[in-house]
Amino acid sequence: MVTGIGAVFALVEVIYILMILLGANAGNAFVRFIRSIAEPLALFFPGLFPIDNAQLAVLVNYGLAAIFWLVVTGLIARLFFH
């Protein structure tokens, strides 16, 4: 259950990354919805590394957030449920 939640959080981050990299319409309701979820889930990662290329910055920062959620929820699941 815990790892599933982490996977959903990571999936939201990956969907957001793909929408940015593929040039999704920022005015679209679905894109705004995913962004409204992805930004808080990214925690402190956006802006962590100053990268001039906007697409690379999204890939790195939100990609790190996705990896973070997978690792943290995996560790929590191992600590408390094994």
Protein backbone atom coordinates (compact mmCIF):
# COMPACT_ATOMS: atom_id res chain seq x y z
CA MET A 1 0.00 0.00 0.00
CA VAL A 2 2.75 2.45 0.98
CA THR A 3 4.86 1.67 -2.06
CA GLY A 4 1.73 2.03 -4.21
CA ILE A 5 1.20 5.55 -2.90
CA GLY A 6 4.83 6.37 -3.67
CA ALA A 7 4.40 4.96 -7.16
CA VAL A 8 1.33 7.14 -7.75
CA PHE A 9 3.23 10.23 -6.54
CA ALA A 10 6.16 9.36 -8.82
CA LEU A 11 3.78 8.74 -11.73
CA VAL A 12 2.27 12.21 -11.30
CA GLU A 13 5.78 13.69 -11.45
CA VAL A 14 6.62 11.67 -14.58
CA ILE A 15 3.38 12.69 -16.30
CA TYR A 16 4.15 16.34 -15.52
CA ILE A 17 7.69 15.97 -16.88
CA LEU A 18 6.40 14.40 -20.09
CA MET A 19 3.78 17.09 -20.57
CA ILE A 20 6.41 19.82 -20.22
CA LEU A 21 8.94 18.09 -22.46
CA LEU A 22 6.34 17.33 -25.12
CA GLY A 23 4.99 20.90 -25.09
CA ALA A 24 1.52 20.32 -23.70
CA ASN A 25 -0.84 23.30 -23.73
CA ALA A 26 -0.37 24.98 -20.32
CA GLY A 27 -3.92 26.38 -20.52
CA ASN A 28 -5.50 22.92 -20.74
CA ALA A 29 -7.50 21.88 -17.67
CA PHE A 30 -5.79 18.48 -17.39
CA VAL A 31 -2.32 20.04 -17.61
CA ARG A 32 -3.26 22.58 -14.92
CA PHE A 33 -4.66 19.76 -12.75
CA ILE A 34 -1.49 17.66 -13.01
CA ARG A 35 0.65 20.75 -12.35
CA SER A 36 -1.39 21.57 -9.24
CA ILE A 37 -0.60 18.11 -7.90
CA ALA A 38 3.00 17.79 -9.16
CA GLU A 39 4.30 21.07 -7.76
CA PRO A 40 3.52 20.36 -4.07
CA LEU A 41 4.74 16.77 -4.46
CA ALA A 42 8.06 18.05 -5.80
CA LEU A 43 8.78 19.44 -2.32
CA PHE A 44 12.10 21.28 -2.26
CA PHE A 45 13.48 19.89 -5.53
CA PRO A 46 12.43 22.64 -8.00
CA GLY A 47 15.21 25.18 -8.00
CA LEU A 48 17.60 22.89 -6.13
CA PHE A 49 20.01 22.97 -9.06
CA PRO A 50 20.30 26.17 -11.10
CA ILE A 51 19.90 24.94 -14.69
CA ASP A 52 19.54 27.44 -17.52
CA ASN A 53 17.62 25.12 -19.84
CA ALA A 54 13.98 25.12 -18.61
CA GLN A 55 13.17 21.66 -19.96
CA LEU A 56 16.30 20.12 -18.47
CA ALA A 57 15.51 21.83 -15.15
CA VAL A 58 12.04 20.25 -15.10
CA LEU A 59 13.48 16.87 -16.01
CA VAL A 60 16.14 16.98 -13.28
CA ASN A 61 14.13 18.59 -10.49
CA TYR A 62 10.85 16.73 -10.92
CA GLY A 63 12.71 13.54 -11.83
CA LEU A 64 14.56 13.74 -8.52
CA ALA A 65 11.24 14.21 -6.75
CA ALA A 66 9.86 11.08 -8.44
CA ILE A 67 12.90 9.06 -7.39
CA PHE A 68 12.62 10.51 -3.87
CA TRP A 69 9.02 9.30 -3.51
CA LEU A 70 9.89 5.82 -4.72
CA VAL A 71 12.88 5.51 -2.39
CA VAL A 72 11.23 7.03 0.70
CA THR A 73 8.03 5.04 0.46
CA GLY A 74 10.05 1.89 -0.26
CA LEU A 75 12.10 2.49 2.89
CA ILE A 76 9.00 3.20 4.97
CA ALA A 77 7.38 0.01 3.73
CA ARG A 78 10.47 -2.03 4.62
CA LEU A 79 10.87 -0.48 8.06
CA PHE A 80 7.30 -0.82 9.20
CA PHE A 81 5.87 -3.73 7.26
CA HIS A 82 8.62 -6.35 7.16
